[in-house]
Amino acid sequence: MAAILADDRHKDPRSELQELTQARFGATPFYRTVAECGPDHAKEFVVEACVAEQCYGRGRGTTKQQAARLAAADALSRLEQVDELCLAAPAPEADGEAVAAGE
């Protein structure tokens, strides 16, 4: 139990996304339903996870809550990929020359 609490494995993706976006962007994510498909007894929902009008994830589920949770997980995955790309990118070389704006 202590290990689970220590590494935040108990958190819901929506909670994780909220913490991340508030720290990184100073904004709370919001969720919007972009589609509803199927008959009333077997409806599916498509929900987007957005921050400041930028959508970062999308999820599909049989309830809006499930779709929002999957959208948050998708957003977290995409934001982690961006972080990995930024960390993997080589640092610009410092050769002493200034780069003029617009070049």
N, C-alpha and C. Protein backbone atom coordinates (compact mmCIF):
# COMPACT_ATOMS: atom_id res chain seq x y z
N MET A 1 0.83 -1.19 0.00
CA MET A 1 0.00 0.00 0.00
C MET A 1 0.87 1.26 0.00
N ALA A 2 1.92 1.26 0.80
CA ALA A 2 2.81 2.42 0.88
C ALA A 2 3.46 2.70 -0.47
N ALA A 3 3.86 1.63 -1.19
CA ALA A 3 4.49 1.82 -2.50
C ALA A 3 3.52 2.43 -3.50
N ILE A 4 2.28 1.99 -3.45
CA ILE A 4 1.26 2.53 -4.36
C ILE A 4 1.05 4.01 -4.09
N LEU A 5 0.91 4.37 -2.82
CA LEU A 5 0.72 5.77 -2.46
C LEU A 5 1.96 6.60 -2.77
N ALA A 6 3.13 6.02 -2.62
CA ALA A 6 4.37 6.76 -2.85
C ALA A 6 4.56 7.14 -4.31
N ASP A 7 4.15 6.28 -5.23
CA ASP A 7 4.37 6.62 -6.64
C ASP A 7 3.09 7.02 -7.37
N ASP A 8 2.06 7.38 -6.64
CA ASP A 8 0.82 7.95 -7.18
C ASP A 8 0.05 7.01 -8.11
N ARG A 9 0.25 5.68 -7.98
CA ARG A 9 -0.49 4.75 -8.83
C ARG A 9 -1.97 4.70 -8.50
N HIS A 10 -2.36 5.28 -7.39
CA HIS A 10 -3.76 5.28 -6.97
C HIS A 10 -4.56 6.40 -7.64
N LYS A 11 -3.88 7.31 -8.33
CA LYS A 11 -4.56 8.47 -8.90
C LYS A 11 -5.26 8.13 -10.20
N ASP A 12 -6.39 8.74 -10.38
CA ASP A 12 -7.16 8.66 -11.61
C ASP A 12 -6.47 9.53 -12.66
N PRO A 13 -6.50 9.14 -13.94
CA PRO A 13 -5.87 9.96 -14.98
C PRO A 13 -6.38 11.41 -14.99
N ARG A 14 -7.65 11.60 -14.65
CA ARG A 14 -8.17 12.97 -14.63
C ARG A 14 -7.49 13.80 -13.55
N SER A 15 -7.24 13.21 -12.39
CA SER A 15 -6.54 13.92 -11.32
C SER A 15 -5.10 14.21 -11.71
N GLU A 16 -4.45 13.22 -12.31
CA GLU A 16 -3.06 13.40 -12.76
C GLU A 16 -2.97 14.52 -13.79
N LEU A 17 -3.90 14.52 -14.75
CA LEU A 17 -3.89 15.55 -15.79
C LEU A 17 -4.12 16.92 -15.18
N GLN A 18 -5.02 17.01 -14.21
CA GLN A 18 -5.28 18.29 -13.57
C GLN A 18 -4.03 18.82 -12.87
N GLU A 19 -3.35 17.96 -12.14
CA GLU A 19 -2.13 18.38 -11.44
C GLU A 19 -1.06 18.83 -12.43
N LEU A 20 -0.90 18.06 -13.50
CA LEU A 20 0.12 18.38 -14.50
C LEU A 20 -0.18 19.71 -15.20
N THR A 21 -1.42 19.88 -15.65
CA THR A 21 -1.74 21.09 -16.41
C THR A 21 -1.75 22.33 -15.53
N GLN A 22 -2.13 22.19 -14.28
CA GLN A 22 -2.08 23.34 -13.39
C GLN A 22 -0.64 23.75 -13.13
N ALA A 23 0.25 22.77 -12.99
CA ALA A 23 1.66 23.08 -12.76
C ALA A 23 2.31 23.64 -14.03
N ARG A 24 2.00 23.04 -15.17
CA ARG A 24 2.68 23.42 -16.41
C ARG A 24 2.07 24.65 -17.07
N PHE A 25 0.74 24.71 -17.12
CA PHE A 25 0.06 25.77 -17.87
C PHE A 25 -0.68 26.77 -16.98
N GLY A 26 -0.80 26.46 -15.69
CA GLY A 26 -1.57 27.32 -14.80
C GLY A 26 -3.06 27.30 -15.14
N ALA A 27 -3.53 26.19 -15.69
CA ALA A 27 -4.92 26.07 -16.11
C ALA A 27 -5.46 24.68 -15.78
N THR A 28 -6.76 24.62 -15.55
CA THR A 28 -7.43 23.37 -15.25
C THR A 28 -7.99 22.78 -16.54
N PRO A 29 -7.82 21.48 -16.76
CA PRO A 29 -8.37 20.87 -17.97
C PRO A 29 -9.90 20.84 -17.92
N PHE A 30 -10.49 20.85 -19.09
CA PHE A 30 -11.93 20.66 -19.17
C PHE A 30 -12.20 19.60 -20.23
N TYR A 31 -13.38 19.03 -20.15
CA TYR A 31 -13.75 17.92 -21.01
C TYR A 31 -14.99 18.29 -21.79
N ARG A 32 -14.97 17.98 -23.08
CA ARG A 32 -16.16 18.25 -23.88
C ARG A 32 -16.52 17.01 -24.69
N THR A 33 -17.80 16.74 -24.71
CA THR A 33 -18.32 15.62 -25.48
C THR A 33 -18.43 16.07 -26.92
N VAL A 34 -17.74 15.38 -27.82
CA VAL A 34 -17.73 15.78 -29.22
C VAL A 34 -18.60 14.87 -30.09
N ALA A 35 -18.99 13.71 -29.56
CA ALA A 35 -19.85 12.81 -30.34
C ALA A 35 -20.57 11.83 -29.42
N GLU A 36 -21.77 11.49 -29.84
CA GLU A 36 -22.55 10.42 -29.20
C GLU A 36 -23.04 9.53 -30.33
N CYS A 37 -22.77 8.23 -30.23
CA CYS A 37 -23.12 7.30 -31.29
C CYS A 37 -23.92 6.14 -30.74
N GLY A 38 -24.70 5.56 -31.60
CA GLY A 38 -25.40 4.33 -31.25
C GLY A 38 -26.78 4.56 -30.67
N PRO A 39 -27.52 3.45 -30.52
CA PRO A 39 -28.86 3.51 -29.96
C PRO A 39 -28.80 3.83 -28.46
N ASP A 40 -29.90 4.28 -27.91
CA ASP A 40 -29.96 4.69 -26.51
C ASP A 40 -29.49 3.59 -25.55
N HIS A 41 -29.76 2.34 -25.87
CA HIS A 41 -29.39 1.25 -24.95
C HIS A 41 -27.91 0.85 -25.08
N ALA A 42 -27.22 1.36 -26.08
CA ALA A 42 -25.81 1.01 -26.28
C ALA A 42 -25.03 2.22 -26.81
N LYS A 43 -25.21 3.34 -26.18
CA LYS A 43 -24.58 4.57 -26.63
C LYS A 43 -23.09 4.58 -26.33
N GLU A 44 -22.33 5.22 -27.22
CA GLU A 44 -20.91 5.46 -27.02
C GLU A 44 -20.68 6.96 -27.07
N PHE A 45 -19.75 7.42 -26.26
CA PHE A 45 -19.44 8.84 -26.19
C PHE A 45 -17.98 9.06 -26.56
N VAL A 46 -17.72 10.16 -27.25
CA VAL A 46 -16.35 10.57 -27.55
C VAL A 46 -16.15 11.91 -26.85
N VAL A 47 -15.10 11.95 -26.02
CA VAL A 47 -14.83 13.13 -25.19
C VAL A 47 -13.39 13.58 -25.45
N GLU A 48 -13.19 14.89 -25.49
CA GLU A 48 -11.85 15.46 -25.61
C GLU A 48 -11.43 16.09 -24.29
N ALA A 49 -10.14 15.95 -23.98
CA ALA A 49 -9.54 16.60 -22.82
C ALA A 49 -8.78 17.82 -23.33
N CYS A 50 -9.17 19.00 -22.85
CA CYS A 50 -8.61 20.25 -23.37
C CYS A 50 -8.08 21.12 -22.24
N VAL A 51 -7.12 21.96 -22.59
CA VAL A 51 -6.58 22.96 -21.67
C VAL A 51 -6.44 24.23 -22.47
N ALA A 52 -7.08 25.29 -22.00
CA ALA A 52 -6.99 26.60 -22.66
C ALA A 52 -7.28 26.49 -24.16
N GLU A 53 -8.34 25.83 -24.50
CA GLU A 53 -8.83 25.65 -25.87
C GLU A 53 -7.94 24.77 -26.76
N GLN A 54 -6.89 24.19 -26.21
CA GLN A 54 -6.06 23.24 -26.94
C GLN A 54 -6.42 21.84 -26.47
N CYS A 55 -6.80 20.97 -27.41
CA CYS A 55 -7.16 19.61 -27.05
C CYS A 55 -5.93 18.72 -27.09
N TYR A 56 -5.74 17.96 -26.03
CA TYR A 56 -4.56 17.11 -25.91
C TYR A 56 -4.88 15.62 -25.96
N GLY A 57 -6.14 15.24 -25.76
CA GLY A 57 -6.47 13.82 -25.75
C GLY A 57 -7.91 13.57 -26.11
N ARG A 58 -8.17 12.33 -26.52
CA ARG A 58 -9.53 11.94 -26.91
C ARG A 58 -9.78 10.54 -26.40
N GLY A 59 -11.01 10.30 -25.93
CA GLY A 59 -11.38 8.98 -25.45
C GLY A 59 -12.78 8.61 -25.86
N ARG A 60 -13.00 7.30 -25.98
CA ARG A 60 -14.32 6.77 -26.37
C ARG A 60 -14.74 5.77 -25.32
N GLY A 61 -15.98 5.89 -24.85
CA GLY A 61 -16.46 4.96 -23.83
C GLY A 61 -17.97 4.85 -23.82
N THR A 62 -18.46 3.91 -23.02
CA THR A 62 -19.90 3.68 -22.94
C THR A 62 -20.58 4.65 -21.98
N THR A 63 -19.77 5.39 -21.21
CA THR A 63 -20.31 6.48 -20.38
C THR A 63 -19.42 7.71 -20.61
N LYS A 64 -19.95 8.87 -20.31
CA LYS A 64 -19.15 10.09 -20.46
C LYS A 64 -17.97 10.07 -19.50
N GLN A 65 -18.17 9.53 -18.31
CA GLN A 65 -17.10 9.46 -17.33
C GLN A 65 -15.96 8.57 -17.83
N GLN A 66 -16.30 7.42 -18.39
CA GLN A 66 -15.29 6.52 -18.92
C GLN A 66 -14.54 7.17 -20.08
N ALA A 67 -15.27 7.83 -20.97
CA ALA A 67 -14.64 8.50 -22.11
C ALA A 67 -13.72 9.62 -21.64
N ALA A 68 -14.13 10.37 -20.61
CA ALA A 68 -13.30 11.45 -20.07
C ALA A 68 -12.03 10.89 -19.43
N ARG A 69 -12.14 9.78 -18.72
CA ARG A 69 -10.98 9.15 -18.10
C ARG A 69 -9.99 8.69 -19.17
N LEU A 70 -10.50 8.12 -20.26
CA LEU A 70 -9.64 7.67 -21.35
C LEU A 70 -9.04 8.87 -22.10
N ALA A 71 -9.78 9.95 -22.21
CA ALA A 71 -9.26 11.17 -22.84
C ALA A 71 -8.12 11.74 -22.01
N ALA A 72 -8.28 11.74 -20.69
CA ALA A 72 -7.23 12.23 -19.80
C ALA A 72 -5.98 11.36 -19.92
N ALA A 73 -6.16 10.05 -19.97
CA ALA A 73 -5.03 9.14 -20.12
C ALA A 73 -4.32 9.38 -21.45
N ASP A 74 -5.08 9.61 -22.50
CA ASP A 74 -4.51 9.91 -23.82
C ASP A 74 -3.73 11.23 -23.77
N ALA A 75 -4.30 12.23 -23.13
CA ALA A 75 -3.62 13.53 -23.00
C ALA A 75 -2.32 13.38 -22.23
N LEU A 76 -2.34 12.64 -21.13
CA LEU A 76 -1.12 12.42 -20.36
C LEU A 76 -0.04 11.74 -21.21
N SER A 77 -0.45 10.76 -21.99
CA SER A 77 0.49 10.04 -22.84
C SER A 77 1.10 10.98 -23.87
N ARG A 78 0.28 11.82 -24.48
CA ARG A 78 0.78 12.76 -25.50
C ARG A 78 1.71 13.80 -24.88
N LEU A 79 1.35 14.30 -23.71
CA LEU A 79 2.20 15.29 -23.05
C LEU A 79 3.53 14.67 -22.63
N GLU A 80 3.52 13.40 -22.22
CA GLU A 80 4.76 12.71 -21.88
C GLU A 80 5.64 12.53 -23.12
N GLN A 81 5.01 12.24 -24.27
CA GLN A 81 5.78 12.10 -25.52
C GLN A 81 6.46 13.41 -25.88
N VAL A 82 5.77 14.52 -25.69
CA VAL A 82 6.36 15.83 -25.96
C VAL A 82 7.55 16.06 -25.04
N ASP A 83 7.38 15.71 -23.76
CA ASP A 83 8.48 15.86 -22.80
C ASP A 83 9.68 15.02 -23.23
N GLU A 84 9.43 13.79 -23.67
CA GLU A 84 10.53 12.92 -24.09
C GLU A 84 11.23 13.48 -25.32
N LEU A 85 10.48 14.05 -26.26
CA LEU A 85 11.08 14.64 -27.44
C LEU A 85 11.95 15.84 -27.07
N CYS A 86 11.47 16.63 -26.14
CA CYS A 86 12.23 17.80 -25.71
C CYS A 86 13.52 17.39 -25.01
N LEU A 87 13.46 16.33 -24.20
CA LEU A 87 14.64 15.87 -23.50
C LEU A 87 15.64 15.21 -24.45
N ALA A 88 15.13 14.59 -25.51
CA ALA A 88 16.00 13.88 -26.45
C ALA A 88 16.63 14.83 -27.47
N ALA A 89 16.06 16.01 -27.66
CA ALA A 89 16.58 16.95 -28.65
C ALA A 89 17.94 17.46 -28.20
N PRO A 90 18.88 17.53 -29.14
CA PRO A 90 20.19 18.05 -28.76
C PRO A 90 20.11 19.54 -28.44
N ALA A 91 20.91 19.95 -27.49
CA ALA A 91 20.95 21.36 -27.12
C ALA A 91 21.63 22.14 -28.24
N PRO A 92 21.18 23.37 -28.47
CA PRO A 92 21.83 24.18 -29.51
C PRO A 92 23.28 24.44 -29.11
N GLU A 93 24.13 24.42 -30.10
CA GLU A 93 25.55 24.64 -29.83
C GLU A 93 25.81 26.10 -29.52
N ALA A 94 26.62 26.31 -28.54
CA ALA A 94 26.99 27.67 -28.18
C ALA A 94 28.35 27.96 -28.81
N ASP A 95 28.33 28.58 -29.99
CA ASP A 95 29.58 28.87 -30.67
C ASP A 95 29.98 30.33 -30.56
N GLY A 96 29.28 31.05 -29.71
CA GLY A 96 29.63 32.43 -29.50
C GLY A 96 28.97 33.39 -30.46
N GLU A 97 28.32 32.90 -31.51
CA GLU A 97 27.65 33.79 -32.45
C GLU A 97 26.21 33.98 -32.04
N ALA A 98 25.76 35.19 -32.13
CA ALA A 98 24.36 35.49 -31.84
C ALA A 98 23.55 35.24 -33.10
N VAL A 99 22.37 34.69 -32.94
CA VAL A 99 21.49 34.45 -34.07
C VAL A 99 20.53 35.62 -34.15
N ALA A 100 20.46 36.24 -35.29
CA ALA A 100 19.57 37.38 -35.48
C ALA A 100 18.14 36.91 -35.49
N ALA A 101 17.25 37.74 -34.99
CA ALA A 101 15.83 37.41 -34.96
C ALA A 101 15.33 37.19 -36.38
N GLY A 102 14.52 36.15 -36.53
CA GLY A 102 13.91 35.88 -37.83
C GLY A 102 14.75 34.96 -38.69
N GLU A 103 15.93 34.57 -38.25
CA GLU A 103 16.75 33.67 -39.06
C GLU A 103 16.46 32.25 -38.71
